[in-house]
Amino acid sequence: MTITFLVDVDNTLLDNDRFRTDVQTHFAAVFGVDVAAHYWAIQERRFVDLGYRDYLGAVQEWWEGEGREPRLLAAARFLLDYPFEDLLYEGALSVLADLGERGQTLVLTDGDAIFQPRKIERSGIGAAVGGRVLVYVHKELELEDVERRYPAERYVLVDDKPRILAAAKAHWGERVTTVLPRQGQFGTVEGATADVAVDRIAELVGVAFDEV
């Protein structure tokens, strides 16, 4: 039986909550609390409008809203040069290596076409899956496209968001095994369930998914 592993990025392989805190702290320290607060107000509104965290788009709107202040341009450089490899959860790349020995493994993530691929590249995640990366604005709506690009008899989806896991189960039924790493703000929500749940991503090494 062919099996394909679909693995999320944010709060699944790397600590995106810590990234957000680092950005907030840096922006407040460098640009001032009030100016940084303006950025986060834009960020939250764009998240509601777009459905994903548009870090760079928010910088563009923020810069224009602050009278095209030259010093704010450094915000984009901070984001693009951030050392995402430092945010990898312990054992994250080992999990990808282990899954890659048992089936085709790829990244399936939400985000934009610039910043999300940059994050995946700089963290080493892209290389760990041989460059097999799918980015969608709303990946739960694109499962048919996922299957068209990577057909398989069975899928294993590793994701910290219960609603994504539920959408995959509704789409693929018994053909998918859902895996919930209880990490980050979504994975620790009370009542979140999946076929397999682990406290840390590293615990997936060696799990016998064919027995689930």
N, C-alpha and C. Protein backbone atom coordinates (compact mmCIF):
# COMPACT_ATOMS: atom_id res chain seq x y z
N MET A 1 0.84 -1.20 0.00
CA MET A 1 0.00 0.00 0.00
C MET A 1 0.87 1.24 0.00
N THR A 2 0.62 2.14 -0.95
CA THR A 2 1.39 3.39 -0.98
C THR A 2 0.85 4.33 0.09
N ILE A 3 1.76 5.01 0.76
CA ILE A 3 1.38 5.92 1.84
C ILE A 3 2.13 7.23 1.64
N THR A 4 1.43 8.33 1.86
CA THR A 4 2.02 9.66 1.78
C THR A 4 1.80 10.37 3.10
N PHE A 5 2.87 10.92 3.64
CA PHE A 5 2.81 11.68 4.89
C PHE A 5 2.72 13.16 4.57
N LEU A 6 1.71 13.81 5.09
CA LEU A 6 1.49 15.25 4.91
C LEU A 6 1.75 15.92 6.25
N VAL A 7 2.76 16.78 6.30
CA VAL A 7 3.18 17.34 7.59
C VAL A 7 3.08 18.86 7.57
N ASP A 8 2.40 19.40 8.55
CA ASP A 8 2.24 20.84 8.72
C ASP A 8 3.56 21.45 9.22
N VAL A 9 3.65 22.78 9.21
CA VAL A 9 4.86 23.47 9.64
C VAL A 9 4.67 24.19 10.98
N ASP A 10 3.81 25.20 10.99
CA ASP A 10 3.70 26.09 12.15
C ASP A 10 3.08 25.38 13.35
N ASN A 11 3.82 25.35 14.44
CA ASN A 11 3.46 24.69 15.70
C ASN A 11 3.31 23.18 15.55
N THR A 12 3.82 22.66 14.43
CA THR A 12 3.92 21.22 14.24
C THR A 12 5.39 20.82 14.16
N LEU A 13 6.13 21.47 13.26
CA LEU A 13 7.57 21.24 13.15
C LEU A 13 8.39 22.34 13.80
N LEU A 14 7.86 23.56 13.80
CA LEU A 14 8.58 24.66 14.45
C LEU A 14 7.64 25.49 15.30
N ASP A 15 8.23 26.14 16.30
CA ASP A 15 7.47 26.85 17.33
C ASP A 15 7.08 28.24 16.82
N ASN A 16 5.94 28.31 16.16
CA ASN A 16 5.49 29.57 15.60
C ASN A 16 5.00 30.55 16.66
N ASP A 17 4.53 30.05 17.79
CA ASP A 17 4.13 30.93 18.88
C ASP A 17 5.34 31.70 19.40
N ARG A 18 6.47 31.03 19.48
CA ARG A 18 7.70 31.71 19.91
C ARG A 18 8.14 32.74 18.88
N PHE A 19 7.97 32.44 17.61
CA PHE A 19 8.30 33.41 16.56
C PHE A 19 7.47 34.67 16.73
N ARG A 20 6.20 34.52 16.94
CA ARG A 20 5.32 35.68 17.10
C ARG A 20 5.77 36.52 18.29
N THR A 21 6.12 35.88 19.39
CA THR A 21 6.58 36.61 20.56
C THR A 21 7.89 37.34 20.27
N ASP A 22 8.79 36.70 19.55
CA ASP A 22 10.06 37.34 19.20
C ASP A 22 9.84 38.58 18.34
N VAL A 23 8.92 38.48 17.38
CA VAL A 23 8.62 39.62 16.51
C VAL A 23 8.02 40.76 17.33
N GLN A 24 7.08 40.44 18.19
CA GLN A 24 6.46 41.48 19.02
C GLN A 24 7.50 42.19 19.89
N THR A 25 8.36 41.41 20.50
CA THR A 25 9.38 41.99 21.38
C THR A 25 10.35 42.86 20.60
N HIS A 26 10.80 42.37 19.45
CA HIS A 26 11.76 43.12 18.63
C HIS A 26 11.14 44.41 18.10
N PHE A 27 9.94 44.35 17.57
CA PHE A 27 9.31 45.54 17.00
C PHE A 27 9.08 46.60 18.07
N ALA A 28 8.64 46.18 19.26
CA ALA A 28 8.40 47.14 20.33
C ALA A 28 9.70 47.80 20.78
N ALA A 29 10.78 47.01 20.84
CA ALA A 29 12.07 47.54 21.29
C ALA A 29 12.69 48.49 20.26
N VAL A 30 12.55 48.16 18.99
CA VAL A 30 13.22 48.92 17.92
C VAL A 30 12.38 50.11 17.45
N PHE A 31 11.07 49.92 17.32
CA PHE A 31 10.23 50.96 16.73
C PHE A 31 9.35 51.68 17.73
N GLY A 32 9.31 51.19 18.96
CA GLY A 32 8.46 51.80 19.97
C GLY A 32 7.17 51.05 20.13
N VAL A 33 6.64 51.06 21.35
CA VAL A 33 5.45 50.28 21.67
C VAL A 33 4.25 50.71 20.85
N ASP A 34 4.02 52.02 20.73
CA ASP A 34 2.84 52.51 20.03
C ASP A 34 2.90 52.21 18.53
N VAL A 35 4.06 52.42 17.93
CA VAL A 35 4.21 52.15 16.50
C VAL A 35 4.08 50.65 16.23
N ALA A 36 4.67 49.84 17.10
CA ALA A 36 4.56 48.39 16.95
C ALA A 36 3.11 47.93 17.11
N ALA A 37 2.37 48.58 18.01
CA ALA A 37 0.97 48.23 18.21
C ALA A 37 0.17 48.47 16.94
N HIS A 38 0.53 49.49 16.19
CA HIS A 38 -0.12 49.77 14.91
C HIS A 38 0.10 48.60 13.95
N TYR A 39 1.32 48.08 13.93
CA TYR A 39 1.62 46.93 13.07
C TYR A 39 0.73 45.75 13.43
N TRP A 40 0.59 45.45 14.72
CA TRP A 40 -0.17 44.26 15.13
C TRP A 40 -1.65 44.45 14.90
N ALA A 41 -2.15 45.69 14.95
CA ALA A 41 -3.55 45.93 14.62
C ALA A 41 -3.79 45.61 13.14
N ILE A 42 -2.85 46.01 12.29
CA ILE A 42 -2.94 45.69 10.86
C ILE A 42 -2.83 44.18 10.67
N GLN A 43 -1.91 43.58 11.38
CA GLN A 43 -1.69 42.14 11.26
C GLN A 43 -2.95 41.35 11.59
N GLU A 44 -3.61 41.70 12.67
CA GLU A 44 -4.81 40.99 13.09
C GLU A 44 -5.94 41.19 12.09
N ARG A 45 -6.10 42.39 11.58
CA ARG A 45 -7.16 42.64 10.60
C ARG A 45 -6.92 41.86 9.32
N ARG A 46 -5.68 41.83 8.87
CA ARG A 46 -5.36 41.09 7.65
C ARG A 46 -5.54 39.59 7.85
N PHE A 47 -5.28 39.12 9.05
CA PHE A 47 -5.50 37.70 9.35
C PHE A 47 -6.97 37.34 9.19
N VAL A 48 -7.84 38.20 9.69
CA VAL A 48 -9.28 37.97 9.57
C VAL A 48 -9.70 38.02 8.10
N ASP A 49 -9.17 38.98 7.36
CA ASP A 49 -9.54 39.15 5.96
C ASP A 49 -9.00 38.04 5.07
N LEU A 50 -7.76 37.61 5.32
CA LEU A 50 -7.08 36.68 4.42
C LEU A 50 -7.13 35.23 4.89
N GLY A 51 -7.17 35.03 6.20
CA GLY A 51 -7.19 33.67 6.72
C GLY A 51 -5.82 33.10 7.01
N TYR A 52 -4.76 33.91 6.87
CA TYR A 52 -3.40 33.48 7.22
C TYR A 52 -2.63 34.70 7.70
N ARG A 53 -1.48 34.46 8.36
CA ARG A 53 -0.66 35.54 8.90
C ARG A 53 0.18 36.15 7.78
N ASP A 54 -0.19 37.35 7.37
CA ASP A 54 0.50 38.03 6.27
C ASP A 54 1.52 39.01 6.85
N TYR A 55 2.64 38.47 7.31
CA TYR A 55 3.64 39.29 7.99
C TYR A 55 4.20 40.38 7.09
N LEU A 56 4.55 40.03 5.86
CA LEU A 56 5.17 41.01 4.96
C LEU A 56 4.15 41.99 4.40
N GLY A 57 2.97 41.52 4.09
CA GLY A 57 1.93 42.43 3.62
C GLY A 57 1.56 43.45 4.68
N ALA A 58 1.58 43.02 5.94
CA ALA A 58 1.28 43.94 7.03
C ALA A 58 2.38 44.99 7.17
N VAL A 59 3.63 44.60 6.89
CA VAL A 59 4.73 45.58 6.92
C VAL A 59 4.50 46.65 5.86
N GLN A 60 4.09 46.24 4.66
CA GLN A 60 3.83 47.19 3.58
C GLN A 60 2.77 48.21 3.98
N GLU A 61 1.65 47.70 4.50
CA GLU A 61 0.56 48.59 4.90
C GLU A 61 0.96 49.47 6.08
N TRP A 62 1.68 48.90 7.01
CA TRP A 62 2.17 49.63 8.19
C TRP A 62 3.09 50.77 7.78
N TRP A 63 4.03 50.47 6.90
CA TRP A 63 5.00 51.47 6.41
C TRP A 63 4.27 52.63 5.73
N GLU A 64 3.29 52.31 4.90
CA GLU A 64 2.54 53.36 4.22
C GLU A 64 1.71 54.17 5.22
N GLY A 65 1.13 53.47 6.20
CA GLY A 65 0.31 54.14 7.20
C GLY A 65 1.10 55.03 8.14
N GLU A 66 2.40 54.78 8.25
CA GLU A 66 3.27 55.60 9.10
C GLU A 66 4.04 56.63 8.26
N GLY A 67 3.47 57.00 7.13
CA GLY A 67 4.08 58.04 6.29
C GLY A 67 5.33 57.58 5.57
N ARG A 68 5.41 56.27 5.27
CA ARG A 68 6.56 55.68 4.58
C ARG A 68 7.87 55.98 5.33
N GLU A 69 7.80 55.83 6.65
CA GLU A 69 8.96 56.04 7.52
C GLU A 69 10.09 55.07 7.14
N PRO A 70 11.26 55.60 6.72
CA PRO A 70 12.34 54.73 6.24
C PRO A 70 12.80 53.68 7.25
N ARG A 71 12.80 54.01 8.53
CA ARG A 71 13.34 53.06 9.51
C ARG A 71 12.48 51.81 9.64
N LEU A 72 11.21 51.89 9.22
CA LEU A 72 10.34 50.73 9.32
C LEU A 72 10.69 49.65 8.29
N LEU A 73 11.45 50.01 7.28
CA LEU A 73 11.84 49.04 6.26
C LEU A 73 12.69 47.92 6.86
N ALA A 74 13.34 48.21 7.98
CA ALA A 74 14.15 47.18 8.64
C ALA A 74 13.29 46.03 9.17
N ALA A 75 12.01 46.26 9.33
CA ALA A 75 11.12 45.21 9.83
C ALA A 75 11.06 44.03 8.86
N ALA A 76 10.99 44.33 7.57
CA ALA A 76 10.95 43.26 6.57
C ALA A 76 12.24 42.45 6.59
N ARG A 77 13.36 43.13 6.75
CA ARG A 77 14.64 42.42 6.79
C ARG A 77 14.71 41.51 8.01
N PHE A 78 14.20 41.98 9.14
CA PHE A 78 14.18 41.13 10.34
C PHE A 78 13.37 39.87 10.09
N LEU A 79 12.23 40.01 9.46
CA LEU A 79 11.38 38.86 9.19
C LEU A 79 12.03 37.88 8.22
N LEU A 80 12.58 38.40 7.13
CA LEU A 80 13.16 37.55 6.10
C LEU A 80 14.43 36.85 6.56
N ASP A 81 15.18 37.50 7.45
CA ASP A 81 16.45 36.93 7.91
C ASP A 81 16.33 36.18 9.23
N TYR A 82 15.14 36.05 9.74
CA TYR A 82 14.95 35.40 11.04
C TYR A 82 15.51 33.97 10.98
N PRO A 83 16.24 33.54 12.00
CA PRO A 83 16.82 32.18 12.01
C PRO A 83 15.79 31.11 12.37
N PHE A 84 14.98 30.73 11.42
CA PHE A 84 13.89 29.80 11.70
C PHE A 84 14.39 28.42 12.13
N GLU A 85 15.64 28.10 11.79
CA GLU A 85 16.17 26.82 12.25
C GLU A 85 16.22 26.74 13.78
N ASP A 86 16.27 27.91 14.43
CA ASP A 86 16.29 27.92 15.89
C ASP A 86 14.93 27.60 16.50
N LEU A 87 13.88 27.64 15.69
CA LEU A 87 12.53 27.39 16.18
C LEU A 87 12.09 25.94 16.01
N LEU A 88 12.89 25.13 15.36
CA LEU A 88 12.52 23.73 15.16
C LEU A 88 12.32 23.03 16.50
N TYR A 89 11.22 22.33 16.63
CA TYR A 89 11.04 21.52 17.83
C TYR A 89 12.08 20.40 17.85
N GLU A 90 12.47 20.03 19.04
CA GLU A 90 13.44 18.94 19.18
C GLU A 90 12.94 17.69 18.45
N GLY A 91 13.80 17.15 17.59
CA GLY A 91 13.47 15.93 16.87
C GLY A 91 12.64 16.12 15.62
N ALA A 92 12.32 17.36 15.25
CA ALA A 92 11.44 17.60 14.11
C ALA A 92 12.02 17.05 12.81
N LEU A 93 13.28 17.32 12.54
CA LEU A 93 13.89 16.84 11.30
C LEU A 93 14.10 15.32 11.35
N SER A 94 14.32 14.78 12.52
CA SER A 94 14.44 13.33 12.66
C SER A 94 13.12 12.64 12.33
N VAL A 95 12.03 13.26 12.70
CA VAL A 95 10.71 12.72 12.36
C VAL A 95 10.54 12.70 10.84
N LEU A 96 10.90 13.79 10.18
CA LEU A 96 10.78 13.83 8.72
C LEU A 96 11.64 12.76 8.06
N ALA A 97 12.84 12.56 8.59
CA ALA A 97 13.72 11.51 8.04
C ALA A 97 13.11 10.13 8.24
N ASP A 98 12.54 9.91 9.42
CA ASP A 98 11.93 8.61 9.73
C ASP A 98 10.72 8.36 8.83
N LEU A 99 9.87 9.35 8.66
CA LEU A 99 8.70 9.19 7.81
C LEU A 99 9.12 8.98 6.36
N GLY A 100 10.18 9.67 5.96
CA GLY A 100 10.65 9.55 4.59
C GLY A 100 11.16 8.17 4.23
N GLU A 101 11.53 7.40 5.23
CA GLU A 101 11.97 6.03 4.99
C GLU A 101 10.79 5.07 4.83
N ARG A 102 9.60 5.54 5.21
CA ARG A 102 8.42 4.67 5.19
C ARG A 102 7.40 5.04 4.12
N GLY A 103 7.58 6.19 3.51
CA GLY A 103 6.65 6.62 2.48
C GLY A 103 7.02 7.99 1.97
N GLN A 104 6.31 8.44 0.97
CA GLN A 104 6.54 9.77 0.44
C GLN A 104 6.13 10.80 1.49
N THR A 105 6.99 11.77 1.74
CA THR A 105 6.74 12.76 2.78
C THR A 105 6.81 14.16 2.19
N LEU A 106 5.85 14.99 2.53
CA LEU A 106 5.86 16.36 2.02
C LEU A 106 5.25 17.30 3.05
N VAL A 107 5.53 18.57 2.85
CA VAL A 107 4.99 19.63 3.69
C VAL A 107 3.66 20.08 3.10
N LEU A 108 2.67 20.25 3.97
CA LEU A 108 1.36 20.79 3.59
C LEU A 108 1.03 21.89 4.57
N THR A 109 1.04 23.14 4.09
CA THR A 109 0.95 24.27 5.01
C THR A 109 0.10 25.39 4.43
N ASP A 110 -0.45 26.21 5.32
CA ASP A 110 -1.13 27.45 4.93
C ASP A 110 -0.14 28.60 4.91
N GLY A 111 -0.45 29.63 4.10
CA GLY A 111 0.40 30.82 4.11
C GLY A 111 0.40 31.53 2.78
N ASP A 112 1.34 32.45 2.64
CA ASP A 112 1.46 33.22 1.40
C ASP A 112 2.55 32.62 0.53
N ALA A 113 2.76 33.21 -0.64
CA ALA A 113 3.69 32.64 -1.62
C ALA A 113 5.13 33.09 -1.44
N ILE A 114 5.39 33.97 -0.47
CA ILE A 114 6.75 34.49 -0.28
C ILE A 114 7.30 34.12 1.09
N PHE A 115 6.61 34.56 2.14
CA PHE A 115 7.17 34.39 3.48
C PHE A 115 7.13 32.94 3.95
N GLN A 116 6.05 32.23 3.66
CA GLN A 116 5.97 30.84 4.13
C GLN A 116 7.04 29.96 3.48
N PRO A 117 7.25 30.05 2.15
CA PRO A 117 8.36 29.29 1.57
C PRO A 117 9.72 29.68 2.12
N ARG A 118 9.90 30.97 2.43
CA ARG A 118 11.16 31.43 3.02
C ARG A 118 11.40 30.77 4.38
N LYS A 119 10.35 30.70 5.18
CA LYS A 119 10.43 30.06 6.49
C LYS A 119 10.80 28.58 6.35
N ILE A 120 10.18 27.92 5.41
CA ILE A 120 10.42 26.49 5.20
C ILE A 120 11.85 26.25 4.71
N GLU A 121 12.33 27.13 3.85
CA GLU A 121 13.70 27.00 3.34
C GLU A 121 14.73 27.24 4.43
N ARG A 122 14.58 28.34 5.16
CA ARG A 122 15.59 28.72 6.15
C ARG A 122 15.65 27.76 7.34
N SER A 123 14.54 27.12 7.63
CA SER A 123 14.50 26.20 8.76
C SER A 123 15.14 24.85 8.43
N GLY A 124 15.31 24.56 7.14
CA GLY A 124 15.83 23.26 6.72
C GLY A 124 14.74 22.23 6.47
N ILE A 125 13.48 22.62 6.67
CA ILE A 125 12.37 21.70 6.48
C ILE A 125 12.22 21.31 5.01
N GLY A 126 12.37 22.29 4.13
CA GLY A 126 12.23 22.01 2.70
C GLY A 126 13.22 20.97 2.22
N ALA A 127 14.46 21.12 2.62
CA ALA A 127 15.50 20.17 2.22
C ALA A 127 15.21 18.78 2.79
N ALA A 128 14.66 18.74 4.00
CA ALA A 128 14.40 17.47 4.67
C ALA A 128 13.32 16.64 3.98
N VAL A 129 12.46 17.30 3.19
CA VAL A 129 11.41 16.58 2.46
C VAL A 129 11.69 16.58 0.96
N GLY A 130 12.93 16.86 0.60
CA GLY A 130 13.32 16.82 -0.81
C GLY A 130 12.65 17.89 -1.66
N GLY A 131 12.28 19.00 -1.04
CA GLY A 131 11.65 20.09 -1.78
C GLY A 131 10.18 19.90 -2.07
N ARG A 132 9.59 18.86 -1.53
CA ARG A 132 8.16 18.61 -1.77
C ARG A 132 7.34 19.46 -0.78
N VAL A 133 6.92 20.61 -1.24
CA VAL A 133 6.24 21.58 -0.38
C VAL A 133 4.99 22.09 -1.08
N LEU A 134 3.86 22.00 -0.40
CA LEU A 134 2.61 22.55 -0.91
C LEU A 134 2.16 23.65 0.05
N VAL A 135 1.95 24.85 -0.50
CA VAL A 135 1.47 25.99 0.28
C VAL A 135 0.12 26.42 -0.30
N TYR A 136 -0.88 26.52 0.55
CA TYR A 136 -2.20 26.99 0.14
C TYR A 136 -2.66 28.07 1.10
N VAL A 137 -3.59 28.90 0.64
CA VAL A 137 -4.19 29.87 1.54
C VAL A 137 -5.07 29.16 2.57
N HIS A 138 -5.87 28.19 2.08
CA HIS A 138 -6.71 27.37 2.96
C HIS A 138 -6.54 25.92 2.53
N LYS A 139 -5.62 25.24 3.14
CA LYS A 139 -5.29 23.89 2.65
C LYS A 139 -6.42 22.90 2.83
N GLU A 140 -7.31 23.13 3.80
CA GLU A 140 -8.42 22.19 4.01
C GLU A 140 -9.39 22.21 2.83
N LEU A 141 -9.32 23.26 2.00
CA LEU A 141 -10.17 23.35 0.81
C LEU A 141 -9.47 22.82 -0.43
N GLU A 142 -8.24 22.38 -0.30
CA GLU A 142 -7.43 22.00 -1.45
C GLU A 142 -7.01 20.53 -1.43
N LEU A 143 -7.73 19.71 -0.70
CA LEU A 143 -7.32 18.32 -0.55
C LEU A 143 -7.41 17.54 -1.87
N GLU A 144 -8.34 17.91 -2.73
CA GLU A 144 -8.40 17.27 -4.05
C GLU A 144 -7.15 17.59 -4.85
N ASP A 145 -6.68 18.82 -4.74
CA ASP A 145 -5.46 19.21 -5.45
C ASP A 145 -4.25 18.50 -4.87
N VAL A 146 -4.23 18.33 -3.56
CA VAL A 146 -3.15 17.57 -2.91
C VAL A 146 -3.10 16.15 -3.48
N GLU A 147 -4.26 15.52 -3.57
CA GLU A 147 -4.30 14.14 -4.07
C GLU A 147 -3.94 14.08 -5.55
N ARG A 148 -4.32 15.08 -6.32
CA ARG A 148 -3.96 15.11 -7.74
C ARG A 148 -2.45 15.17 -7.92
N ARG A 149 -1.81 15.96 -7.08
CA ARG A 149 -0.35 16.13 -7.19
C ARG A 149 0.41 14.95 -6.58
N TYR A 150 -0.13 14.41 -5.48
CA TYR A 150 0.54 13.31 -4.79
C TYR A 150 -0.47 12.20 -4.49
N PRO A 151 -0.86 11.45 -5.52
CA PRO A 151 -1.83 10.37 -5.31
C PRO A 151 -1.26 9.27 -4.43
N ALA A 152 -2.11 8.72 -3.58
CA ALA A 152 -1.70 7.63 -2.69
C ALA A 152 -2.92 6.85 -2.27
N GLU A 153 -2.71 5.62 -1.89
CA GLU A 153 -3.81 4.81 -1.36
C GLU A 153 -4.20 5.26 0.04
N ARG A 154 -3.20 5.78 0.76
CA ARG A 154 -3.45 6.16 2.15
C ARG A 154 -2.61 7.38 2.49
N TYR A 155 -3.16 8.23 3.37
CA TYR A 155 -2.46 9.43 3.82
C TYR A 155 -2.35 9.42 5.35
N VAL A 156 -1.28 10.05 5.82
CA VAL A 156 -1.15 10.35 7.24
C VAL A 156 -0.94 11.85 7.33
N LEU A 157 -1.84 12.55 8.00
CA LEU A 157 -1.77 14.00 8.12
C LEU A 157 -1.37 14.37 9.55
N VAL A 158 -0.26 15.09 9.66
CA VAL A 158 0.25 15.55 10.96
C VAL A 158 0.04 17.05 11.03
N ASP A 159 -0.82 17.49 11.96
CA ASP A 159 -1.18 18.92 12.01
C ASP A 159 -1.63 19.27 13.41
N ASP A 160 -1.30 20.48 13.86
CA ASP A 160 -1.67 20.90 15.21
C ASP A 160 -3.07 21.48 15.29
N LYS A 161 -3.74 21.67 14.13
CA LYS A 161 -5.05 22.30 14.14
C LYS A 161 -6.15 21.23 14.00
N PRO A 162 -6.96 21.04 15.02
CA PRO A 162 -8.02 20.04 14.96
C PRO A 162 -8.98 20.22 13.80
N ARG A 163 -9.27 21.47 13.41
CA ARG A 163 -10.22 21.69 12.31
C ARG A 163 -9.66 21.19 10.98
N ILE A 164 -8.33 21.26 10.80
CA ILE A 164 -7.70 20.74 9.59
C ILE A 164 -7.78 19.22 9.58
N LEU A 165 -7.51 18.62 10.72
CA LEU A 165 -7.59 17.16 10.82
C LEU A 165 -9.02 16.68 10.57
N ALA A 166 -9.99 17.40 11.08
CA ALA A 166 -11.40 17.03 10.88
C ALA A 166 -11.78 17.14 9.42
N ALA A 167 -11.30 18.18 8.74
CA ALA A 167 -11.60 18.35 7.32
C ALA A 167 -11.00 17.22 6.49
N ALA A 168 -9.79 16.81 6.84
CA ALA A 168 -9.14 15.70 6.12
C ALA A 168 -9.89 14.39 6.34
N LYS A 169 -10.35 14.17 7.55
CA LYS A 169 -11.09 12.95 7.85
C LYS A 169 -12.42 12.93 7.10
N ALA A 170 -13.06 14.09 7.02
CA ALA A 170 -14.32 14.17 6.28
C ALA A 170 -14.09 13.93 4.78
N HIS A 171 -12.95 14.35 4.28
CA HIS A 171 -12.65 14.21 2.84
C HIS A 171 -12.19 12.80 2.48
N TRP A 172 -11.24 12.26 3.25
CA TRP A 172 -10.63 10.98 2.91
C TRP A 172 -11.17 9.80 3.71
N GLY A 173 -11.89 10.06 4.77
CA GLY A 173 -12.44 8.96 5.56
C GLY A 173 -11.37 8.05 6.12
N GLU A 174 -11.54 6.75 5.95
CA GLU A 174 -10.61 5.77 6.50
C GLU A 174 -9.28 5.74 5.76
N ARG A 175 -9.18 6.48 4.67
CA ARG A 175 -7.92 6.52 3.92
C ARG A 175 -6.89 7.42 4.60
N VAL A 176 -7.29 8.18 5.60
CA VAL A 176 -6.35 9.08 6.27
C VAL A 176 -6.27 8.76 7.76
N THR A 177 -5.05 8.80 8.27
CA THR A 177 -4.81 8.73 9.70
C THR A 177 -4.43 10.13 10.16
N THR A 178 -5.18 10.69 11.08
CA THR A 178 -4.91 12.04 11.56
C THR A 178 -4.04 12.00 12.81
N VAL A 179 -3.05 12.89 12.85
CA VAL A 179 -2.09 12.91 13.96
C VAL A 179 -2.03 14.32 14.53
N LEU A 180 -2.25 14.45 15.81
CA LEU A 180 -2.27 15.74 16.50
C LEU A 180 -1.09 15.88 17.45
N PRO A 181 -0.11 16.73 17.13
CA PRO A 181 0.91 17.07 18.12
C PRO A 181 0.34 18.14 19.05
N ARG A 182 0.31 17.86 20.32
CA ARG A 182 -0.29 18.81 21.28
C ARG A 182 0.74 19.89 21.63
N GLN A 183 0.98 20.73 20.64
CA GLN A 183 1.94 21.83 20.77
C GLN A 183 1.27 23.11 20.29
N GLY A 184 1.64 24.22 20.88
CA GLY A 184 1.11 25.50 20.40
C GLY A 184 -0.32 25.76 20.84
N GLN A 185 -0.83 26.90 20.43
CA GLN A 185 -2.11 27.40 20.92
C GLN A 185 -3.30 26.59 20.45
N PHE A 186 -3.20 25.92 19.30
CA PHE A 186 -4.34 25.15 18.79
C PHE A 186 -4.30 23.70 19.23
N GLY A 187 -3.12 23.11 19.26
CA GLY A 187 -2.99 21.70 19.60
C GLY A 187 -3.31 21.38 21.03
N THR A 188 -3.32 22.39 21.89
CA THR A 188 -3.58 22.15 23.31
C THR A 188 -5.00 22.51 23.71
N VAL A 189 -5.86 22.82 22.73
CA VAL A 189 -7.26 23.14 23.03
C VAL A 189 -7.94 21.92 23.63
N GLU A 190 -8.66 22.12 24.71
CA GLU A 190 -9.32 21.00 25.39
C GLU A 190 -10.34 20.34 24.47
N GLY A 191 -10.32 19.04 24.43
CA GLY A 191 -11.28 18.31 23.61
C GLY A 191 -10.80 18.00 22.21
N ALA A 192 -9.63 18.51 21.82
CA ALA A 192 -9.10 18.24 20.48
C ALA A 192 -8.75 16.75 20.36
N THR A 193 -9.19 16.14 19.28
CA THR A 193 -8.97 14.71 19.11
C THR A 193 -8.41 14.39 17.72
N ALA A 194 -7.83 13.20 17.61
CA ALA A 194 -7.29 12.70 16.35
C ALA A 194 -7.10 11.20 16.49
N ASP A 195 -6.76 10.53 15.39
CA ASP A 195 -6.50 9.08 15.46
C ASP A 195 -5.30 8.80 16.35
N VAL A 196 -4.30 9.69 16.27
CA VAL A 196 -3.09 9.58 17.08
C VAL A 196 -2.80 10.95 17.68
N ALA A 197 -2.46 11.01 18.94
CA ALA A 197 -2.09 12.27 19.58
C ALA A 197 -0.79 12.06 20.35
N VAL A 198 0.12 13.02 20.22
CA VAL A 198 1.39 12.97 20.94
C VAL A 198 1.63 14.33 21.59
N ASP A 199 2.38 14.33 22.65
CA ASP A 199 2.68 15.60 23.32
C ASP A 199 3.75 16.39 22.58
N ARG A 200 4.67 15.68 21.92
CA ARG A 200 5.77 16.33 21.20
C ARG A 200 5.97 15.63 19.87
N ILE A 201 6.33 16.39 18.86
CA ILE A 201 6.51 15.86 17.52
C ILE A 201 7.54 14.73 17.50
N ALA A 202 8.55 14.81 18.34
CA ALA A 202 9.60 13.79 18.34
C ALA A 202 9.07 12.40 18.66
N GLU A 203 7.93 12.32 19.32
CA GLU A 203 7.36 11.03 19.71
C GLU A 203 6.85 10.22 18.51
N LEU A 204 6.81 10.82 17.33
CA LEU A 204 6.30 10.12 16.16
C LEU A 204 7.33 9.19 15.53
N VAL A 205 8.59 9.32 15.91
CA VAL A 205 9.61 8.42 15.36
C VAL A 205 9.27 6.98 15.74
N GLY A 206 9.13 6.16 14.71
CA GLY A 206 8.88 4.74 14.95
C GLY A 206 7.45 4.34 15.17
N VAL A 207 6.51 5.30 15.18
CA VAL A 207 5.10 4.96 15.37
C VAL A 207 4.63 4.11 14.19
N ALA A 208 3.93 3.02 14.48
CA ALA A 208 3.45 2.11 13.44
C ALA A 208 2.08 2.56 12.96
N PHE A 209 2.05 3.42 11.97
CA PHE A 209 0.79 3.97 11.50
C PHE A 209 -0.09 2.92 10.81
N ASP A 210 0.53 1.86 10.31
CA ASP A 210 -0.25 0.82 9.67
C ASP A 210 -1.07 0.01 10.66
N GLU A 211 -0.83 0.23 11.95
CA GLU A 211 -1.59 -0.47 12.99
C GLU A 211 -2.68 0.41 13.60
N VAL A 212 -2.75 1.66 13.13
CA VAL A 212 -3.75 2.58 13.68
C VAL A 212 -5.09 2.40 12.94
